[in-house]
Amino acid sequence: MRSDALANQRKIVEAATRLMAERGLEAELTDIAHEAGVGVGTVYRCVGNRDQVIETIVRDAVGQMAASFDEAEAGDGGVEDLNRLVERLHTIVGKYGWVHAALIGGREELRKEMRALDPLRRVEALYERAQASGHLRNDVEAGVAAALILGSLAPWSAMALKARGDARAAAEAVMGPFLAHAPTPAALEAQS
């Protein structure tokens, strides 16, 4: 692809990402072209139809998630690795929140790519590593913690956590109850 076509492709994908962050899957191809400062024909030539634009962005989001998991898994296994992962995932969801809908209603191939990422197993393994370091509570099963952590990325949870501020604040809110110094439910009950 020529350098000008690559530049247009990048502009189109960035414009589509911005518009879909605002409007979700309701963003139209003409709006994307306008936002990118190109004609609809250029969108078709550089990226393709609306479904192909969405697919390109979903693949980008999944790729960023995969890189985030890889980075966390390459760490020393402490709670910091898991915290950074949760923060990065919340950053990605903040940018690509509509991807949930695209994955649910989209092509099976995209859903397979997301399933291949295996986020539940990977968060569970990272949680177990951090738990072994003594920084996370031992009375919470890693599988349950992983499900709750990933549940914080669901649209309704992510919107509520976004009100706390940035992705770091969301990650701190999500991870706080799992920290070893966090009070257990029994301790909270005894205080009341």
C-alpha atoms as a PDB file:
ATOM      1  CA  MET A   1       0.000   0.000   0.000  1.00  0.00           C
ATOM      2  CA  ARG A   2       1.310   3.480  -0.879  1.00  0.00           C
ATOM      3  CA  SER A   3       2.328   5.852   1.907  1.00  0.00           C
ATOM      4  CA  ASP A   4      -0.595   8.217   1.214  1.00  0.00           C
ATOM      5  CA  ALA A   5      -3.022   5.284   1.323  1.00  0.00           C
ATOM      6  CA  LEU A   6      -1.501   4.122   4.618  1.00  0.00           C
ATOM      7  CA  ALA A   7      -1.832   7.640   6.028  1.00  0.00           C
ATOM      8  CA  ASN A   8      -5.485   7.750   4.933  1.00  0.00           C
ATOM      9  CA  GLN A   9      -6.109   4.309   6.410  1.00  0.00           C
ATOM     10  CA  ARG A  10      -4.653   5.468   9.736  1.00  0.00           C
ATOM     11  CA  LYS A  11      -6.787   8.656   9.664  1.00  0.00           C
ATOM     12  CA  ILE A  12      -9.913   6.643   8.868  1.00  0.00           C
ATOM     13  CA  VAL A  13      -9.342   4.113  11.648  1.00  0.00           C
ATOM     14  CA  GLU A  14      -8.588   6.879  14.171  1.00  0.00           C
ATOM     15  CA  ALA A  15     -11.695   8.816  13.115  1.00  0.00           C
ATOM     16  CA  ALA A  16     -13.852   5.699  13.282  1.00  0.00           C
ATOM     17  CA  THR A  17     -12.472   4.866  16.730  1.00  0.00           C
ATOM     18  CA  ARG A  18     -13.344   8.371  18.003  1.00  0.00           C
ATOM     19  CA  LEU A  19     -16.831   8.350  16.475  1.00  0.00           C
ATOM     20  CA  MET A  20     -17.627   4.872  17.726  1.00  0.00           C
ATOM     21  CA  ALA A  21     -16.451   5.831  21.210  1.00  0.00           C
ATOM     22  CA  GLU A  22     -19.110   8.572  21.096  1.00  0.00           C
ATOM     23  CA  ARG A  23     -21.900   6.827  19.171  1.00  0.00           C
ATOM     24  CA  GLY A  24     -21.134   3.123  19.360  1.00  0.00           C
ATOM     25  CA  LEU A  25     -22.082   1.030  16.372  1.00  0.00           C
ATOM     26  CA  GLU A  26     -24.483   3.757  15.206  1.00  0.00           C
ATOM     27  CA  ALA A  27     -21.634   5.658  13.523  1.00  0.00           C
ATOM     28  CA  GLU A  28     -22.198   5.706   9.766  1.00  0.00           C
ATOM     29  CA  LEU A  29     -19.547   5.373   7.077  1.00  0.00           C
ATOM     30  CA  THR A  30     -20.302   8.867   5.759  1.00  0.00           C
ATOM     31  CA  ASP A  31     -19.731  10.288   9.253  1.00  0.00           C
ATOM     32  CA  ILE A  32     -16.450   8.381   9.536  1.00  0.00           C
ATOM     33  CA  ALA A  33     -15.296   9.709   6.156  1.00  0.00           C
ATOM     34  CA  HIS A  34     -16.238  13.267   7.147  1.00  0.00           C
ATOM     35  CA  GLU A  35     -14.458  12.968  10.502  1.00  0.00           C
ATOM     36  CA  ALA A  36     -11.340  11.636   8.732  1.00  0.00           C
ATOM     37  CA  GLY A  37     -11.474  14.416   6.138  1.00  0.00           C
ATOM     38  CA  VAL A  38     -11.732  12.007   3.212  1.00  0.00           C
ATOM     39  CA  GLY A  39     -14.420  10.892   0.811  1.00  0.00           C
ATOM     40  CA  VAL A  40     -16.484   7.746   1.246  1.00  0.00           C
ATOM     41  CA  GLY A  41     -14.720   6.251  -1.783  1.00  0.00           C
ATOM     42  CA  THR A  42     -11.388   6.658   0.004  1.00  0.00           C
ATOM     43  CA  VAL A  43     -12.782   4.767   2.996  1.00  0.00           C
ATOM     44  CA  TYR A  44     -13.833   1.919   0.708  1.00  0.00           C
ATOM     45  CA  ARG A  45     -10.431   1.862  -1.030  1.00  0.00           C
ATOM     46  CA  CYS A  46      -8.305   2.079   2.131  1.00  0.00           C
ATOM     47  CA  VAL A  47     -10.310   0.074   4.672  1.00  0.00           C
ATOM     48  CA  GLY A  48     -13.459  -1.272   3.047  1.00  0.00           C
ATOM     49  CA  ASN A  49     -17.110  -1.152   4.008  1.00  0.00           C
ATOM     50  CA  ARG A  50     -18.460  -0.299   7.464  1.00  0.00           C
ATOM     51  CA  ASP A  51     -18.194  -3.899   8.678  1.00  0.00           C
ATOM     52  CA  GLN A  52     -14.553  -4.010   7.610  1.00  0.00           C
ATOM     53  CA  VAL A  53     -13.872  -0.725   9.425  1.00  0.00           C
ATOM     54  CA  ILE A  54     -15.429  -2.195  12.573  1.00  0.00           C
ATOM     55  CA  GLU A  55     -13.466  -5.422  12.136  1.00  0.00           C
ATOM     56  CA  THR A  56     -10.202  -3.474  11.797  1.00  0.00           C
ATOM     57  CA  ILE A  57     -10.891  -1.591  15.018  1.00  0.00           C
ATOM     58  CA  VAL A  58     -11.992  -4.702  16.920  1.00  0.00           C
ATOM     59  CA  ARG A  59      -8.801  -6.471  15.862  1.00  0.00           C
ATOM     60  CA  ASP A  60      -6.800  -3.467  17.053  1.00  0.00           C
ATOM     61  CA  ALA A  61      -8.553  -3.557  20.437  1.00  0.00           C
ATOM     62  CA  VAL A  62      -8.027  -7.319  20.798  1.00  0.00           C
ATOM     63  CA  GLY A  63      -4.377  -6.858  19.815  1.00  0.00           C
ATOM     64  CA  GLN A  64      -3.916  -4.212  22.493  1.00  0.00           C
ATOM     65  CA  MET A  65      -5.544  -6.507  25.051  1.00  0.00           C
ATOM     66  CA  ALA A  66      -3.271  -9.394  24.015  1.00  0.00           C
ATOM     67  CA  ALA A  67      -0.192  -7.179  24.346  1.00  0.00           C
ATOM     68  CA  SER A  68      -1.380  -6.097  27.803  1.00  0.00           C
ATOM     69  CA  PHE A  69      -1.756  -9.711  28.920  1.00  0.00           C
ATOM     70  CA  ASP A  70       1.645 -10.639  27.472  1.00  0.00           C
ATOM     71  CA  GLU A  71       3.299  -7.749  29.315  1.00  0.00           C
ATOM     72  CA  ALA A  72       1.654  -8.694  32.623  1.00  0.00           C
ATOM     73  CA  GLU A  73       2.642 -12.341  32.223  1.00  0.00           C
ATOM     74  CA  ALA A  74       6.255 -11.359  31.526  1.00  0.00           C
ATOM     75  CA  GLY A  75       6.425  -9.482  34.838  1.00  0.00           C
ATOM     76  CA  ASP A  76       7.730 -10.772  38.152  1.00  0.00           C
ATOM     77  CA  GLY A  77       4.323 -12.040  39.273  1.00  0.00           C
ATOM     78  CA  GLY A  78       3.588  -9.371  41.819  1.00  0.00           C
ATOM     79  CA  VAL A  79       0.353  -7.528  42.326  1.00  0.00           C
ATOM     80  CA  GLU A  80       1.773  -4.591  40.334  1.00  0.00           C
ATOM     81  CA  ASP A  81       1.604  -6.667  37.151  1.00  0.00           C
ATOM     82  CA  LEU A  82      -2.065  -7.433  37.744  1.00  0.00           C
ATOM     83  CA  ASN A  83      -2.804  -3.799  38.661  1.00  0.00           C
ATOM     84  CA  ARG A  84      -1.150  -2.566  35.449  1.00  0.00           C
ATOM     85  CA  LEU A  85      -3.108  -5.120  33.429  1.00  0.00           C
ATOM     86  CA  VAL A  86      -6.428  -4.026  34.947  1.00  0.00           C
ATOM     87  CA  GLU A  87      -5.517  -0.375  34.350  1.00  0.00           C
ATOM     88  CA  ARG A  88      -4.578  -1.047  30.714  1.00  0.00           C
ATOM     89  CA  LEU A  89      -7.738  -3.079  30.120  1.00  0.00           C
ATOM     90  CA  HIS A  90      -9.838  -0.215  31.518  1.00  0.00           C
ATOM     91  CA  THR A  91      -7.978   2.213  29.239  1.00  0.00           C
ATOM     92  CA  ILE A  92      -8.743  -0.010  26.241  1.00  0.00           C
ATOM     93  CA  VAL A  93     -12.404  -0.399  27.237  1.00  0.00           C
ATOM     94  CA  GLY A  94     -12.616   3.384  27.668  1.00  0.00           C
ATOM     95  CA  LYS A  95     -11.420   3.812  24.100  1.00  0.00           C
ATOM     96  CA  TYR A  96     -13.254   0.823  22.607  1.00  0.00           C
ATOM     97  CA  GLY A  97     -16.239   0.348  24.919  1.00  0.00           C
ATOM     98  CA  TRP A  98     -18.556  -0.471  22.019  1.00  0.00           C
ATOM     99  CA  VAL A  99     -16.407  -3.491  21.105  1.00  0.00           C
ATOM    100  CA  HIS A 100     -18.531  -5.661  23.424  1.00  0.00           C
ATOM    101  CA  ALA A 101     -21.528  -5.091  21.152  1.00  0.00           C
ATOM    102  CA  ALA A 102     -19.455  -5.690  18.023  1.00  0.00           C
ATOM    103  CA  LEU A 103     -18.142  -8.977  19.396  1.00  0.00           C
ATOM    104  CA  ILE A 104     -21.582 -10.166  20.466  1.00  0.00           C
ATOM    105  CA  GLY A 105     -23.273  -9.242  17.197  1.00  0.00           C
ATOM    106  CA  GLY A 106     -20.280  -9.594  14.916  1.00  0.00           C
ATOM    107  CA  ARG A 107     -18.617 -12.310  12.955  1.00  0.00           C
ATOM    108  CA  GLU A 108     -17.791 -15.624  14.586  1.00  0.00           C
ATOM    109  CA  GLU A 109     -14.172 -15.219  13.473  1.00  0.00           C
ATOM    110  CA  LEU A 110     -13.793 -12.139  15.710  1.00  0.00           C
ATOM    111  CA  ARG A 111     -15.388 -13.920  18.667  1.00  0.00           C
ATOM    112  CA  LYS A 112     -12.955 -16.807  18.163  1.00  0.00           C
ATOM    113  CA  GLU A 113     -10.033 -14.381  18.257  1.00  0.00           C
ATOM    114  CA  MET A 114     -11.299 -12.940  21.536  1.00  0.00           C
ATOM    115  CA  ARG A 115     -11.878 -16.403  23.011  1.00  0.00           C
ATOM    116  CA  ALA A 116      -8.358 -17.414  21.917  1.00  0.00           C
ATOM    117  CA  LEU A 117      -7.076 -14.581  24.086  1.00  0.00           C
ATOM    118  CA  ASP A 118      -8.523 -16.605  27.015  1.00  0.00           C
ATOM    119  CA  PRO A 119      -8.777 -13.664  29.415  1.00  0.00           C
ATOM    120  CA  LEU A 120     -10.399 -15.564  32.291  1.00  0.00           C
ATOM    121  CA  ARG A 121      -7.664 -18.195  32.470  1.00  0.00           C
ATOM    122  CA  ARG A 122      -4.935 -15.581  32.108  1.00  0.00           C
ATOM    123  CA  VAL A 123      -6.288 -13.279  34.821  1.00  0.00           C
ATOM    124  CA  GLU A 124      -6.778 -16.296  37.073  1.00  0.00           C
ATOM    125  CA  ALA A 125      -3.123 -17.334  36.575  1.00  0.00           C
ATOM    126  CA  LEU A 126      -1.905 -13.781  37.197  1.00  0.00           C
ATOM    127  CA  TYR A 127      -4.057 -13.575  40.314  1.00  0.00           C
ATOM    128  CA  GLU A 128      -2.612 -16.861  41.614  1.00  0.00           C
ATOM    129  CA  ARG A 129       0.944 -15.593  41.031  1.00  0.00           C
ATOM    130  CA  ALA A 130       0.222 -12.343  42.841  1.00  0.00           C
ATOM    131  CA  GLN A 131      -1.595 -14.227  45.602  1.00  0.00           C
ATOM    132  CA  ALA A 132       1.496 -16.410  46.122  1.00  0.00           C
ATOM    133  CA  SER A 133       3.536 -13.237  46.668  1.00  0.00           C
ATOM    134  CA  GLY A 134       1.397 -12.525  49.732  1.00  0.00           C
ATOM    135  CA  HIS A 135      -0.083  -9.282  48.452  1.00  0.00           C
ATOM    136  CA  LEU A 136      -3.568 -10.612  47.715  1.00  0.00           C
ATOM    137  CA  ARG A 137      -6.080 -12.163  50.066  1.00  0.00           C
ATOM    138  CA  ASN A 138      -5.961 -15.943  50.379  1.00  0.00           C
ATOM    139  CA  ASP A 139      -9.670 -16.286  51.147  1.00  0.00           C
ATOM    140  CA  VAL A 140     -10.723 -15.372  47.595  1.00  0.00           C
ATOM    141  CA  GLU A 141     -10.500 -18.084  44.946  1.00  0.00           C
ATOM    142  CA  ALA A 142      -8.486 -17.002  41.935  1.00  0.00           C
ATOM    143  CA  GLY A 143     -11.249 -18.031  39.508  1.00  0.00           C
ATOM    144  CA  VAL A 144     -13.828 -15.932  41.349  1.00  0.00           C
ATOM    145  CA  ALA A 145     -11.445 -12.977  41.520  1.00  0.00           C
ATOM    146  CA  ALA A 146     -10.704 -13.280  37.792  1.00  0.00           C
ATOM    147  CA  ALA A 147     -14.420 -13.310  36.947  1.00  0.00           C
ATOM    148  CA  LEU A 148     -15.027 -10.235  39.111  1.00  0.00           C
ATOM    149  CA  ILE A 149     -12.024  -8.385  37.690  1.00  0.00           C
ATOM    150  CA  LEU A 150     -13.111  -9.081  34.109  1.00  0.00           C
ATOM    151  CA  GLY A 151     -16.703  -8.246  35.059  1.00  0.00           C
ATOM    152  CA  SER A 152     -15.505  -4.735  35.857  1.00  0.00           C
ATOM    153  CA  LEU A 153     -14.932  -4.328  32.110  1.00  0.00           C
ATOM    154  CA  ALA A 154     -18.576  -4.995  31.226  1.00  0.00           C
ATOM    155  CA  PRO A 155     -20.236  -1.849  29.874  1.00  0.00           C
ATOM    156  CA  TRP A 156     -22.403  -1.094  32.914  1.00  0.00           C
ATOM    157  CA  SER A 157     -19.516  -1.680  35.353  1.00  0.00           C
ATOM    158  CA  ALA A 158     -16.995   0.227  33.258  1.00  0.00           C
ATOM    159  CA  MET A 159     -19.356   3.229  33.050  1.00  0.00           C
ATOM    160  CA  ALA A 160     -19.763   3.291  36.834  1.00  0.00           C
ATOM    161  CA  LEU A 161     -16.009   2.984  37.369  1.00  0.00           C
ATOM    162  CA  LYS A 162     -15.318   5.708  34.794  1.00  0.00           C
ATOM    163  CA  ALA A 163     -17.041   8.144  37.147  1.00  0.00           C
ATOM    164  CA  ARG A 164     -14.120   7.596  39.565  1.00  0.00           C
ATOM    165  CA  GLY A 165     -11.771   9.275  37.107  1.00  0.00           C
ATOM    166  CA  ASP A 166      -9.149   7.664  34.926  1.00  0.00           C
ATOM    167  CA  ALA A 167      -8.266   4.030  34.285  1.00  0.00           C
ATOM    168  CA  ARG A 168      -5.836   4.002  37.223  1.00  0.00           C
ATOM    169  CA  ALA A 169      -8.610   5.004  39.636  1.00  0.00           C
ATOM    170  CA  ALA A 170     -10.832   2.292  38.156  1.00  0.00           C
ATOM    171  CA  ALA A 171      -8.063  -0.314  38.556  1.00  0.00           C
ATOM    172  CA  GLU A 172      -7.494   0.724  42.173  1.00  0.00           C
ATOM    173  CA  ALA A 173     -11.214   0.451  42.903  1.00  0.00           C
ATOM    174  CA  VAL A 174     -11.372  -3.000  41.302  1.00  0.00           C
ATOM    175  CA  MET A 175      -8.233  -4.389  42.928  1.00  0.00           C
ATOM    176  CA  GLY A 176      -8.625  -2.797  46.373  1.00  0.00           C
ATOM    177  CA  PRO A 177     -10.901  -5.450  47.892  1.00  0.00           C
ATOM    178  CA  PHE A 178      -8.489  -8.208  46.846  1.00  0.00           C
ATOM    179  CA  LEU A 179      -5.410  -6.747  48.546  1.00  0.00           C
ATOM    180  CA  ALA A 180      -4.089  -8.711  51.532  1.00  0.00           C
ATOM    181  CA  HIS A 181      -4.611  -5.769  53.890  1.00  0.00           C
ATOM    182  CA  ALA A 182      -8.260  -5.365  52.819  1.00  0.00           C
ATOM    183  CA  PRO A 183     -10.722  -6.384  55.525  1.00  0.00           C
ATOM    184  CA  THR A 184     -12.512  -9.690  55.033  1.00  0.00           C
ATOM    185  CA  PRO A 185     -16.325  -9.827  55.057  1.00  0.00           C
ATOM    186  CA  ALA A 186     -16.154 -11.481  58.501  1.00  0.00           C
ATOM    187  CA  ALA A 187     -13.984  -8.656  59.862  1.00  0.00           C
ATOM    188  CA  LEU A 188     -16.383  -6.049  58.497  1.00  0.00           C
ATOM    189  CA  GLU A 189     -19.315  -7.881  60.077  1.00  0.00           C
ATOM    190  CA  ALA A 190     -17.524  -8.036  63.439  1.00  0.00           C
ATOM    191  CA  GLN A 191     -16.975  -4.254  63.322  1.00  0.00           C
ATOM    192  CA  SER A 192     -20.688  -3.536  62.993  1.00  0.00           C
END
